[in-house]
Amino acid sequence: RPSQSAVMFANLLVSALAFNGPALRPRAAARSNAVMAFESEIGAQPPLGFFDPLGLLDEADQERFDRLRYVELKHGRICMLAVLGHIVTSAGIRLPGEIAYGLPFADVPNG
């Protein structure tokens, strides 16, 4: 008859294995020829090379790659401006004038 600690250990092991994800494909099989075409693009650096964890470019051509790169740059620039606007507003700097009739920018609270 197994001891109580052995049974407890087996139960812990089985419960931990229940949260194990599916087996991953080998790295070489997971990469398509289209993704390999982007290995020489700017930003592909060792040790990862071209990093596309969501597989957005598995079947993409150069036009799709260029579009996604353009959109990523645009959204990054918008985010930088948003952070700068938050910092400036938190510092107490407000635009002159009114945001609406009878409501000056200076009366709008942070946040």
C-alpha atoms as a PDB file:
ATOM      1  CA  ARG A   1       0.000   0.000   0.000  1.00  0.00           C
ATOM      2  CA  PRO A   2       1.519   3.410  -0.981  1.00  0.00           C
ATOM      3  CA  SER A   3       2.205   5.893   1.728  1.00  0.00           C
ATOM      4  CA  GLN A   4       0.098   9.014   2.189  1.00  0.00           C
ATOM      5  CA  SER A   5       2.974  11.302   1.104  1.00  0.00           C
ATOM      6  CA  ALA A   6       3.475   9.308  -2.123  1.00  0.00           C
ATOM      7  CA  VAL A   7      -0.231   9.602  -2.954  1.00  0.00           C
ATOM      8  CA  MET A   8      -0.156  13.338  -2.188  1.00  0.00           C
ATOM      9  CA  PHE A   9       2.903  13.801  -4.423  1.00  0.00           C
ATOM     10  CA  ALA A  10       1.205  11.894  -7.257  1.00  0.00           C
ATOM     11  CA  ASN A  11      -1.912  14.058  -6.924  1.00  0.00           C
ATOM     12  CA  LEU A  12       0.202  17.236  -7.056  1.00  0.00           C
ATOM     13  CA  LEU A  13       2.024  15.984 -10.124  1.00  0.00           C
ATOM     14  CA  VAL A  14      -1.184  15.079 -11.956  1.00  0.00           C
ATOM     15  CA  SER A  15      -2.820  18.411 -11.113  1.00  0.00           C
ATOM     16  CA  ALA A  16       0.248  20.310 -12.343  1.00  0.00           C
ATOM     17  CA  LEU A  17       0.236  18.359 -15.614  1.00  0.00           C
ATOM     18  CA  ALA A  18      -3.377  19.341 -16.192  1.00  0.00           C
ATOM     19  CA  PHE A  19      -2.209  22.913 -16.834  1.00  0.00           C
ATOM     20  CA  ASN A  20       0.491  21.859 -19.293  1.00  0.00           C
ATOM     21  CA  GLY A  21       0.003  23.366 -22.756  1.00  0.00           C
ATOM     22  CA  PRO A  22       0.066  21.405 -25.991  1.00  0.00           C
ATOM     23  CA  ALA A  23       3.405  20.235 -27.267  1.00  0.00           C
ATOM     24  CA  LEU A  24       5.147  22.870 -29.386  1.00  0.00           C
ATOM     25  CA  ARG A  25       6.155  22.200 -32.943  1.00  0.00           C
ATOM     26  CA  PRO A  26       9.873  22.017 -33.605  1.00  0.00           C
ATOM     27  CA  ARG A  27      11.248  25.452 -34.403  1.00  0.00           C
ATOM     28  CA  ALA A  28      12.302  24.562 -37.942  1.00  0.00           C
ATOM     29  CA  ALA A  29       8.849  23.216 -38.856  1.00  0.00           C
ATOM     30  CA  ALA A  30       7.029  26.242 -37.444  1.00  0.00           C
ATOM     31  CA  ARG A  31       8.717  28.704 -39.783  1.00  0.00           C
ATOM     32  CA  SER A  32       7.308  29.160 -43.264  1.00  0.00           C
ATOM     33  CA  ASN A  33       9.212  30.228 -46.350  1.00  0.00           C
ATOM     34  CA  ALA A  34       7.481  33.630 -46.260  1.00  0.00           C
ATOM     35  CA  VAL A  35       8.754  34.343 -42.767  1.00  0.00           C
ATOM     36  CA  MET A  36      12.242  33.232 -43.736  1.00  0.00           C
ATOM     37  CA  ALA A  37      12.114  35.907 -46.452  1.00  0.00           C
ATOM     38  CA  PHE A  38      11.931  38.577 -43.731  1.00  0.00           C
ATOM     39  CA  GLU A  39      15.090  37.420 -41.920  1.00  0.00           C
ATOM     40  CA  SER A  40      17.158  40.126 -43.641  1.00  0.00           C
ATOM     41  CA  GLU A  41      14.803  43.006 -42.717  1.00  0.00           C
ATOM     42  CA  ILE A  42      15.858  45.786 -40.335  1.00  0.00           C
ATOM     43  CA  GLY A  43      15.119  44.724 -36.768  1.00  0.00           C
ATOM     44  CA  ALA A  44      15.769  41.005 -37.211  1.00  0.00           C
ATOM     45  CA  GLN A  45      18.589  40.453 -34.717  1.00  0.00           C
ATOM     46  CA  PRO A  46      20.219  37.471 -33.045  1.00  0.00           C
ATOM     47  CA  PRO A  47      19.370  35.432 -31.065  1.00  0.00           C
ATOM     48  CA  LEU A  48      15.699  35.600 -32.150  1.00  0.00           C
ATOM     49  CA  GLY A  49      16.108  36.621 -35.755  1.00  0.00           C
ATOM     50  CA  PHE A  50      12.761  37.600 -37.226  1.00  0.00           C
ATOM     51  CA  PHE A  51      10.343  37.527 -34.266  1.00  0.00           C
ATOM     52  CA  ASP A  52       6.676  36.925 -35.119  1.00  0.00           C
ATOM     53  CA  PRO A  53       5.163  35.157 -32.083  1.00  0.00           C
ATOM     54  CA  LEU A  54       1.531  35.522 -33.243  1.00  0.00           C
ATOM     55  CA  GLY A  55       2.243  34.281 -36.748  1.00  0.00           C
ATOM     56  CA  LEU A  56       0.784  37.374 -38.405  1.00  0.00           C
ATOM     57  CA  LEU A  57       3.162  37.044 -41.333  1.00  0.00           C
ATOM     58  CA  ASP A  58       3.057  33.273 -41.873  1.00  0.00           C
ATOM     59  CA  GLU A  59       1.526  33.615 -45.335  1.00  0.00           C
ATOM     60  CA  ALA A  60       2.320  37.292 -45.974  1.00  0.00           C
ATOM     61  CA  ASP A  61       4.063  38.904 -48.881  1.00  0.00           C
ATOM     62  CA  GLN A  62       6.373  41.926 -48.891  1.00  0.00           C
ATOM     63  CA  GLU A  63       3.448  44.352 -49.346  1.00  0.00           C
ATOM     64  CA  ARG A  64       1.694  43.047 -46.203  1.00  0.00           C
ATOM     65  CA  PHE A  65       4.975  43.203 -44.249  1.00  0.00           C
ATOM     66  CA  ASP A  66       5.557  46.821 -45.299  1.00  0.00           C
ATOM     67  CA  ARG A  67       1.970  47.786 -44.380  1.00  0.00           C
ATOM     68  CA  LEU A  68       2.237  46.262 -40.896  1.00  0.00           C
ATOM     69  CA  ARG A  69       5.590  47.963 -40.348  1.00  0.00           C
ATOM     70  CA  TYR A  70       4.110  51.346 -41.385  1.00  0.00           C
ATOM     71  CA  VAL A  71       1.097  50.914 -39.095  1.00  0.00           C
ATOM     72  CA  GLU A  72       3.326  49.911 -36.163  1.00  0.00           C
ATOM     73  CA  LEU A  73       5.446  53.044 -36.587  1.00  0.00           C
ATOM     74  CA  LYS A  74       2.359  55.248 -36.836  1.00  0.00           C
ATOM     75  CA  HIS A  75       0.800  53.806 -33.679  1.00  0.00           C
ATOM     76  CA  GLY A  76       4.097  54.071 -31.813  1.00  0.00           C
ATOM     77  CA  ARG A  77       4.360  57.755 -32.660  1.00  0.00           C
ATOM     78  CA  ILE A  78       0.773  58.386 -31.539  1.00  0.00           C
ATOM     79  CA  CYS A  79       1.518  56.633 -28.238  1.00  0.00           C
ATOM     80  CA  MET A  80       4.610  58.757 -27.676  1.00  0.00           C
ATOM     81  CA  LEU A  81       2.570  61.930 -28.222  1.00  0.00           C
ATOM     82  CA  ALA A  82      -0.117  60.669 -25.830  1.00  0.00           C
ATOM     83  CA  VAL A  83       2.458  60.040 -23.088  1.00  0.00           C
ATOM     84  CA  LEU A  84       3.969  63.471 -23.661  1.00  0.00           C
ATOM     85  CA  GLY A  85       0.502  65.045 -23.424  1.00  0.00           C
ATOM     86  CA  HIS A  86      -0.153  63.252 -20.152  1.00  0.00           C
ATOM     87  CA  ILE A  87       3.175  64.398 -18.685  1.00  0.00           C
ATOM     88  CA  VAL A  88       2.624  68.018 -19.754  1.00  0.00           C
ATOM     89  CA  THR A  89      -0.938  68.067 -18.400  1.00  0.00           C
ATOM     90  CA  SER A  90       0.139  66.467 -15.116  1.00  0.00           C
ATOM     91  CA  ALA A  91       2.785  69.181 -14.761  1.00  0.00           C
ATOM     92  CA  GLY A  92      -0.022  71.743 -14.740  1.00  0.00           C
ATOM     93  CA  ILE A  93       0.524  73.214 -18.183  1.00  0.00           C
ATOM     94  CA  ARG A  94      -2.759  73.986 -19.941  1.00  0.00           C
ATOM     95  CA  LEU A  95      -3.693  75.431 -23.302  1.00  0.00           C
ATOM     96  CA  PRO A  96      -5.007  78.985 -23.285  1.00  0.00           C
ATOM     97  CA  GLY A  97      -8.639  79.555 -24.100  1.00  0.00           C
ATOM     98  CA  GLU A  98     -11.746  77.491 -23.626  1.00  0.00           C
ATOM     99  CA  ILE A  99     -12.422  73.839 -24.384  1.00  0.00           C
ATOM    100  CA  ALA A 100     -16.155  74.578 -24.460  1.00  0.00           C
ATOM    101  CA  TYR A 101     -18.253  77.694 -23.995  1.00  0.00           C
ATOM    102  CA  GLY A 102     -17.570  78.929 -20.461  1.00  0.00           C
ATOM    103  CA  LEU A 103     -15.133  76.087 -19.599  1.00  0.00           C
ATOM    104  CA  PRO A 104     -11.454  77.072 -19.788  1.00  0.00           C
ATOM    105  CA  PHE A 105      -8.777  74.410 -20.225  1.00  0.00           C
ATOM    106  CA  ALA A 106      -7.354  75.398 -16.840  1.00  0.00           C
ATOM    107  CA  ASP A 107     -10.560  74.242 -15.100  1.00  0.00           C
ATOM    108  CA  VAL A 108     -10.362  70.687 -16.495  1.00  0.00           C
ATOM    109  CA  PRO A 109      -8.781  68.370 -13.869  1.00  0.00           C
ATOM    110  CA  ASN A 110      -6.023  65.845 -14.554  1.00  0.00           C
ATOM    111  CA  GLY A 111      -7.005  62.344 -15.544  1.00  0.00           C
END
